[in-house]
PDB file of N, CA and C in Angstrom:
ATOM      1  N   MET A   1      83.474 104.807 117.933  1.00  0.00           N
ATOM      2  CA  MET A   1      83.652 104.884 116.497  1.00  0.00           C
ATOM      3  C   MET A   1      85.302 104.634 116.081  1.00  0.00           C
ATOM      4  N   ILE A   2      85.291 104.121 114.855  1.00  0.00           N
ATOM      5  CA  ILE A   2      86.993 103.658 114.696  1.00  0.00           C
ATOM      6  C   ILE A   2      87.804 104.659 113.383  1.00  0.00           C
ATOM      7  N   HIS A   3      88.222 104.705 113.460  1.00  0.00           N
ATOM      8  CA  HIS A   3      89.208 105.978 112.870  1.00  0.00           C
ATOM      9  C   HIS A   3      90.278 105.362 111.991  1.00  0.00           C
ATOM     10  N   GLU A   4      90.806 105.395 110.648  1.00  0.00           N
ATOM     11  CA  GLU A   4      91.241 104.849 109.756  1.00  0.00           C
ATOM     12  C   GLU A   4      92.119 106.552 109.692  1.00  0.00           C
ATOM     13  N   LEU A   5      93.359 105.696 110.471  1.00  0.00           N
ATOM     14  CA  LEU A   5      94.598 106.986 109.926  1.00  0.00           C
ATOM     15  C   LEU A   5      95.727 106.556 109.406  1.00  0.00           C
ATOM     16  N   LYS A   6      96.590 107.560 108.470  1.00  0.00           N
ATOM     17  CA  LYS A   6      97.778 107.059 107.830  1.00  0.00           C
ATOM     18  C   LYS A   6      99.432 107.304 108.942  1.00  0.00           C
ATOM     19  N   ILE A   7     100.270 106.658 109.106  1.00  0.00           N
ATOM     20  CA  ILE A   7     101.284 106.926 109.603  1.00  0.00           C
ATOM     21  C   ILE A   7     102.704 106.221 109.085  1.00  0.00           C
ATOM     22  N   ASP A   8     103.484 107.499 109.090  1.00  0.00           N
ATOM     23  CA  ASP A   8     104.816 107.318 108.753  1.00  0.00           C
ATOM     24  C   ASP A   8     105.319 105.813 109.071  1.00  0.00           C
ATOM     25  N   GLU A   9     106.396 105.410 108.791  1.00  0.00           N
ATOM     26  CA  GLU A   9     106.822 103.850 109.100  1.00  0.00           C
ATOM     27  C   GLU A   9     107.586 104.351 110.119  1.00  0.00           C
ATOM     28  N   ILE A  10     108.386 105.054 110.030  1.00  0.00           N
ATOM     29  CA  ILE A  10     109.629 105.209 111.687  1.00  0.00           C
ATOM     30  C   ILE A  10     108.535 104.944 112.538  1.00  0.00           C
ATOM     31  N   TYR A  11     107.150 105.730 112.764  1.00  0.00           N
ATOM     32  CA  TYR A  11     106.476 105.956 113.883  1.00  0.00           C
ATOM     33  C   TYR A  11     106.050 104.727 113.936  1.00  0.00           C
ATOM     34  N   PHE A  12     105.445 103.885 112.956  1.00  0.00           N
ATOM     35  CA  PHE A  12     105.066 102.549 112.903  1.00  0.00           C
ATOM     36  C   PHE A  12     105.731 101.855 113.745  1.00  0.00           C
ATOM     37  N   GLU A  13     106.978 101.550 113.465  1.00  0.00           N
ATOM     38  CA  GLU A  13     108.107 100.776 113.635  1.00  0.00           C
ATOM     39  C   GLU A  13     107.985 101.207 115.621  1.00  0.00           C
ATOM     40  N   ASP A  14     108.072 102.656 115.816  1.00  0.00           N
ATOM     41  CA  ASP A  14     107.742 102.506 116.958  1.00  0.00           C
ATOM     42  C   ASP A  14     107.157 102.001 118.350  1.00  0.00           C
ATOM     43  N   ILE A  15     105.790 102.087 117.582  1.00  0.00           N
ATOM     44  CA  ILE A  15     104.122 101.167 118.494  1.00  0.00           C
ATOM     45  C   ILE A  15     104.564  99.948 118.146  1.00  0.00           C
ATOM     46  N   LEU A  16     105.771  99.086 117.440  1.00  0.00           N
ATOM     47  CA  LEU A  16     105.425  98.052 117.209  1.00  0.00           C
ATOM     48  C   LEU A  16     106.659  98.009 118.300  1.00  0.00           C
ATOM     49  N   SER A  17     107.372  98.114 118.887  1.00  0.00           N
ATOM     50  CA  SER A  17     108.524  97.971 119.482  1.00  0.00           C
ATOM     51  C   SER A  17     108.232  98.505 121.101  1.00  0.00           C
ATOM     52  N   ASN A  18     106.952  99.102 121.073  1.00  0.00           N
ATOM     53  CA  ASN A  18     106.156  99.795 122.604  1.00  0.00           C
ATOM     54  C   ASN A  18     107.721 100.606 122.691  1.00  0.00           C
ATOM     55  N   ASN A  19     107.834 101.324 121.999  1.00  0.00           N
ATOM     56  CA  ASN A  19     108.385 102.740 122.091  1.00  0.00           C
ATOM     57  C   ASN A  19     107.837 104.232 121.717  1.00  0.00           C
ATOM     58  N   LYS A  20     106.721 103.913 121.838  1.00  0.00           N
ATOM     59  CA  LYS A  20     105.833 104.979 120.838  1.00  0.00           C
ATOM     60  C   LYS A  20     103.904 104.583 121.554  1.00  0.00           C
ATOM     61  N   GLN A  21     103.594 105.239 122.093  1.00  0.00           N
ATOM     62  CA  GLN A  21     102.177 105.047 123.096  1.00  0.00           C
ATOM     63  C   GLN A  21     100.701 106.106 122.877  1.00  0.00           C
ATOM     64  N   PHE A  22     101.828 107.177 122.041  1.00  0.00           N
ATOM     65  CA  PHE A  22     100.849 108.388 121.549  1.00  0.00           C
ATOM     66  C   PHE A  22     100.978 108.802 120.042  1.00  0.00           C
ATOM     67  N   GLU A  23      99.856 109.729 120.070  1.00  0.00           N
ATOM     68  CA  GLU A  23      99.700 110.741 118.607  1.00  0.00           C
ATOM     69  C   GLU A  23      99.492 111.516 118.738  1.00  0.00           C
ATOM     70  N   ILE A  24      99.941 112.839 118.258  1.00  0.00           N
ATOM     71  CA  ILE A  24      99.389 113.942 118.081  1.00  0.00           C
ATOM     72  C   ILE A  24      98.896 114.374 117.111  1.00  0.00           C
ATOM     73  N   ARG A  25      97.597 114.812 117.250  1.00  0.00           N
ATOM     74  CA  ARG A  25      96.839 115.053 115.576  1.00  0.00           C
ATOM     75  C   ARG A  25      95.998 115.572 115.365  1.00  0.00           C
ATOM     76  N   TYR A  26      95.765 116.832 114.432  1.00  0.00           N
ATOM     77  CA  TYR A  26      94.105 117.340 114.067  1.00  0.00           C
ATOM     78  C   TYR A  26      93.574 116.480 114.620  1.00  0.00           C
ATOM     79  N   ASN A  27      92.466 117.358 115.181  1.00  0.00           N
ATOM     80  CA  ASN A  27      91.150 116.733 116.168  1.00  0.00           C
ATOM     81  C   ASN A  27      90.246 117.215 115.268  1.00  0.00           C
ATOM     82  N   ASP A  28      90.152 116.916 113.697  1.00  0.00           N
ATOM     83  CA  ASP A  28      88.872 116.719 113.127  1.00  0.00           C
ATOM     84  C   ASP A  28      88.138 115.428 112.539  1.00  0.00           C
ATOM     85  N   ARG A  29      88.622 115.030 113.594  1.00  0.00           N
ATOM     86  CA  ARG A  29      87.630 113.759 113.472  1.00  0.00           C
ATOM     87  C   ARG A  29      86.994 113.608 115.287  1.00  0.00           C
ATOM     88  N   ASN A  30      87.116 114.473 115.764  1.00  0.00           N
ATOM     89  CA  ASN A  30      86.670 114.342 117.086  1.00  0.00           C
ATOM     90  C   ASN A  30      86.649 112.817 118.502  1.00  0.00           C
ATOM     91  N   PHE A  31      88.229 112.584 118.188  1.00  0.00           N
ATOM     92  CA  PHE A  31      88.500 112.060 118.760  1.00  0.00           C
ATOM     93  C   PHE A  31      87.952 111.674 120.225  1.00  0.00           C
ATOM     94  N   LYS A  32      87.744 110.813 120.983  1.00  0.00           N
ATOM     95  CA  LYS A  32      87.481 110.790 122.298  1.00  0.00           C
ATOM     96  C   LYS A  32      87.836 109.245 123.060  1.00  0.00           C
ATOM     97  N   LYS A  33      87.593 109.582 123.917  1.00  0.00           N
ATOM     98  CA  LYS A  33      88.304 108.339 124.709  1.00  0.00           C
ATOM     99  C   LYS A  33      87.736 106.638 124.818  1.00  0.00           C
ATOM    100  N   ASP A  34      88.409 105.606 124.539  1.00  0.00           N
ATOM    101  CA  ASP A  34      87.942 104.464 124.331  1.00  0.00           C
ATOM    102  C   ASP A  34      87.168 104.406 122.319  1.00  0.00           C
ATOM    103  N   ASP A  35      87.663 105.414 121.728  1.00  0.00           N
ATOM    104  CA  ASP A  35      87.599 104.925 120.494  1.00  0.00           C
ATOM    105  C   ASP A  35      88.719 104.273 119.740  1.00  0.00           C
ATOM    106  N   LYS A  36      88.695 103.664 118.837  1.00  0.00           N
ATOM    107  CA  LYS A  36      89.281 102.543 118.042  1.00  0.00           C
ATOM    108  C   LYS A  36      89.945 102.883 117.421  1.00  0.00           C
ATOM    109  N   VAL A  37      91.060 103.226 116.632  1.00  0.00           N
ATOM    110  CA  VAL A  37      92.029 104.001 115.666  1.00  0.00           C
ATOM    111  C   VAL A  37      92.898 102.667 115.008  1.00  0.00           C
ATOM    112  N   ILE A  38      92.531 102.150 113.441  1.00  0.00           N
ATOM    113  CA  ILE A  38      93.338 101.753 113.289  1.00  0.00           C
ATOM    114  C   ILE A  38      94.669 102.514 112.341  1.00  0.00           C
ATOM    115  N   LEU A  39      95.677 102.100 112.358  1.00  0.00           N
ATOM    116  CA  LEU A  39      96.719 103.203 112.160  1.00  0.00           C
ATOM    117  C   LEU A  39      97.552 102.296 110.811  1.00  0.00           C
ATOM    118  N   LYS A  40      97.353 102.771 109.779  1.00  0.00           N
ATOM    119  CA  LYS A  40      97.785 102.312 108.342  1.00  0.00           C
ATOM    120  C   LYS A  40      99.252 102.877 108.030  1.00  0.00           C
ATOM    121  N   GLU A  41     100.299 101.742 108.016  1.00  0.00           N
ATOM    122  CA  GLU A  41     101.889 102.410 107.381  1.00  0.00           C
ATOM    123  C   GLU A  41     101.721 102.917 106.517  1.00  0.00           C
ATOM    124  N   ILE A  42     102.219 103.940 106.154  1.00  0.00           N
ATOM    125  CA  ILE A  42     102.792 104.484 104.796  1.00  0.00           C
ATOM    126  C   ILE A  42     103.581 104.290 104.271  1.00  0.00           C
ATOM    127  N   ASN A  43     104.686 104.504 103.253  1.00  0.00           N
ATOM    128  CA  ASN A  43     105.985 104.260 103.159  1.00  0.00           C
ATOM    129  C   ASN A  43     106.633 106.044 102.906  1.00  0.00           C
ATOM    130  N   SER A  44     107.960 105.902 102.457  1.00  0.00           N
ATOM    131  CA  SER A  44     108.603 107.353 101.897  1.00  0.00           C
ATOM    132  C   SER A  44     107.809 107.720 100.951  1.00  0.00           C
ATOM    133  N   PHE A  45     107.045 107.232  99.708  1.00  0.00           N
ATOM    134  CA  PHE A  45     106.629 107.525  98.739  1.00  0.00           C
ATOM    135  C   PHE A  45     104.987 108.057  99.106  1.00  0.00           C
ATOM    136  N   LYS A  46     105.051 107.651 100.449  1.00  0.00           N
ATOM    137  CA  LYS A  46     103.000 108.134 100.761  1.00  0.00           C
ATOM    138  C   LYS A  46     102.396 107.093 100.081  1.00  0.00           C
ATOM    139  N   LYS A  47     102.947 105.853 100.339  1.00  0.00           N
ATOM    140  CA  LYS A  47     102.091 104.755 100.020  1.00  0.00           C
ATOM    141  C   LYS A  47     101.651 103.624 100.604  1.00  0.00           C
ATOM    142  N   PHE A  48     100.397 103.174 100.756  1.00  0.00           N
ATOM    143  CA  PHE A  48     100.717 102.579 101.760  1.00  0.00           C
ATOM    144  C   PHE A  48     101.350 100.413 101.534  1.00  0.00           C
ATOM    145  N   THR A  49     101.774 100.667 102.920  1.00  0.00           N
ATOM    146  CA  THR A  49     102.403  99.414 103.031  1.00  0.00           C
ATOM    147  C   THR A  49     101.575  97.869 102.916  1.00  0.00           C
ATOM    148  N   GLY A  50     100.453  97.904 103.664  1.00  0.00           N
ATOM    149  CA  GLY A  50      99.543  96.945 103.847  1.00  0.00           C
ATOM    150  C   GLY A  50      99.474  96.632 105.360  1.00  0.00           C
ATOM    151  N   ARG A  51     100.641  96.868 106.079  1.00  0.00           N
ATOM    152  CA  ARG A  51     100.219  97.196 107.422  1.00  0.00           C
ATOM    153  C   ARG A  51      99.841  97.997 108.140  1.00  0.00           C
ATOM    154  N   GLU A  52      99.056  97.612 109.228  1.00  0.00           N
ATOM    155  CA  GLU A  52      98.167  97.948 110.282  1.00  0.00           C
ATOM    156  C   GLU A  52      98.752  97.594 111.403  1.00  0.00           C
ATOM    157  N   ILE A  53      98.137  98.905 112.646  1.00  0.00           N
ATOM    158  CA  ILE A  53      97.450  98.156 113.981  1.00  0.00           C
ATOM    159  C   ILE A  53      96.612  98.573 114.491  1.00  0.00           C
ATOM    160  N   GLU A  54      96.121  98.352 115.189  1.00  0.00           N
ATOM    161  CA  GLU A  54      94.888  98.327 115.853  1.00  0.00           C
ATOM    162  C   GLU A  54      94.564  98.641 117.311  1.00  0.00           C
ATOM    163  N   VAL A  55      94.875 100.119 117.385  1.00  0.00           N
ATOM    164  CA  VAL A  55      94.856 100.570 118.686  1.00  0.00           C
ATOM    165  C   VAL A  55      93.042 101.383 119.341  1.00  0.00           C
ATOM    166  N   LYS A  56      93.343 101.356 121.197  1.00  0.00           N
ATOM    167  CA  LYS A  56      92.494 101.847 121.699  1.00  0.00           C
ATOM    168  C   LYS A  56      92.846 103.797 122.329  1.00  0.00           C
ATOM    169  N   ILE A  57      92.215 104.377 121.851  1.00  0.00           N
ATOM    170  CA  ILE A  57      92.465 105.742 122.874  1.00  0.00           C
ATOM    171  C   ILE A  57      92.208 105.548 124.522  1.00  0.00           C
ATOM    172  N   ILE A  58      93.061 105.899 125.313  1.00  0.00           N
ATOM    173  CA  ILE A  58      92.924 105.806 126.879  1.00  0.00           C
ATOM    174  C   ILE A  58      93.435 107.351 127.738  1.00  0.00           C
ATOM    175  N   TYR A  59      93.647 107.811 126.255  1.00  0.00           N
ATOM    176  CA  TYR A  59      94.205 109.082 127.198  1.00  0.00           C
ATOM    177  C   TYR A  59      94.048 110.514 126.571  1.00  0.00           C
ATOM    178  N   LEU A  60      93.089 111.497 126.159  1.00  0.00           N
ATOM    179  CA  LEU A  60      93.192 112.373 125.706  1.00  0.00           C
ATOM    180  C   LEU A  60      93.482 113.802 126.322  1.00  0.00           C
ATOM    181  N   THR A  61      94.270 114.883 125.786  1.00  0.00           N
ATOM    182  CA  THR A  61      94.395 115.698 126.057  1.00  0.00           C
ATOM    183  C   THR A  61      95.046 116.961 125.137  1.00  0.00           C
ATOM    184  N   GLU A  62      94.133 118.826 125.216  1.00  0.00           N
ATOM    185  CA  GLU A  62      94.547 119.399 124.011  1.00  0.00           C
ATOM    186  C   GLU A  62      95.583 120.133 124.963  1.00  0.00           C
ATOM    187  N   PHE A  63      95.699 119.704 126.403  1.00  0.00           N
ATOM    188  CA  PHE A  63      97.077 120.498 126.729  1.00  0.00           C
ATOM    189  C   PHE A  63      98.274 121.049 126.572  1.00  0.00           C
ATOM    190  N   GLU A  64      98.364 122.057 126.346  1.00  0.00           N
ATOM    191  CA  GLU A  64      99.723 122.803 125.269  1.00  0.00           C
ATOM    192  C   GLU A  64      99.637 122.502 124.126  1.00  0.00           C
ATOM    193  N   GLN A  65      98.894 122.201 123.218  1.00  0.00           N
ATOM    194  CA  GLN A  65      98.668 122.012 122.020  1.00  0.00           C
ATOM    195  C   GLN A  65      98.424 123.322 121.382  1.00  0.00           C
ATOM    196  N   LYS A  66      98.903 123.099 120.068  1.00  0.00           N
ATOM    197  CA  LYS A  66      98.547 123.980 119.021  1.00  0.00           C
ATOM    198  C   LYS A  66      96.934 124.031 118.495  1.00  0.00           C
ATOM    199  N   GLU A  67      95.986 124.712 118.263  1.00  0.00           N
ATOM    200  CA  GLU A  67      94.370 125.107 118.452  1.00  0.00           C
ATOM    201  C   GLU A  67      93.803 124.061 117.509  1.00  0.00           C
ATOM    202  N   GLY A  68      93.437 123.377 118.048  1.00  0.00           N
ATOM    203  CA  GLY A  68      92.246 122.018 117.025  1.00  0.00           C
ATOM    204  C   GLY A  68      93.102 120.560 117.049  1.00  0.00           C
ATOM    205  N   TYR A  69      94.296 121.081 117.606  1.00  0.00           N
ATOM    206  CA  TYR A  69      95.391 119.352 118.275  1.00  0.00           C
ATOM    207  C   TYR A  69      94.965 119.191 119.174  1.00  0.00           C
ATOM    208  N   VAL A  70      95.469 117.854 119.337  1.00  0.00           N
ATOM    209  CA  VAL A  70      94.804 116.963 120.273  1.00  0.00           C
ATOM    210  C   VAL A  70      96.560 115.480 120.687  1.00  0.00           C
ATOM    211  N   VAL A  71      96.371 115.480 121.455  1.00  0.00           N
ATOM    212  CA  VAL A  71      97.584 114.187 121.802  1.00  0.00           C
ATOM    213  C   VAL A  71      97.247 112.871 122.418  1.00  0.00           C
ATOM    214  N   PHE A  72      97.001 112.039 121.885  1.00  0.00           N
ATOM    215  CA  PHE A  72      96.110 110.677 122.592  1.00  0.00           C
ATOM    216  C   PHE A  72      96.873 109.957 123.015  1.00  0.00           C
ATOM    217  N   GLY A  73      96.910 109.558 123.909  1.00  0.00           N
ATOM    218  CA  GLY A  73      97.566 108.016 124.765  1.00  0.00           C
ATOM    219  C   GLY A  73      96.714 107.083 124.180  1.00  0.00           C
ATOM    220  N   PHE A  74      97.205 105.514 123.879  1.00  0.00           N
ATOM    221  CA  PHE A  74      96.713 104.498 123.125  1.00  0.00           C
ATOM    222  C   PHE A  74      97.679 103.533 123.989  1.00  0.00           C
ATOM    223  N   LYS A  75      96.322 102.595 123.652  1.00  0.00           N
ATOM    224  CA  LYS A  75      97.160 101.122 123.847  1.00  0.00           C
ATOM    225  C   LYS A  75      96.735  99.862 122.719  1.00  0.00           C
ATOM    226  N   LYS A  76      97.598  99.180 122.199  1.00  0.00           N
ATOM    227  CA  LYS A  76      97.503  98.223 121.511  1.00  0.00           C
ATOM    228  C   LYS A  76      96.590  97.308 121.295  1.00  0.00           C
ATOM    229  N   LEU A  77      95.506  96.820 120.866  1.00  0.00           N
ATOM    230  CA  LEU A  77      94.758  95.668 120.300  1.00  0.00           C
ATOM    231  C   LEU A  77      95.245  94.558 119.834  1.00  0.00           C
TER     232      LEU A  77
END
């Protein structure tokens, strides 16, 4: 499965620099290990910048999250 998600520019930069390798998201998409996610950067006006990163989910947990939320670890592709 491939998911397309918006991501704020500050977090996008953290992923680019390898400082962030996880996301906390509402699980309305039924995320699964090995799914691909295309993270599309948005600016402070909520407009797409045109930059995106493709990642693969390598770890997934609901532990200690609000109901309906998951944490997924990923690696850049």
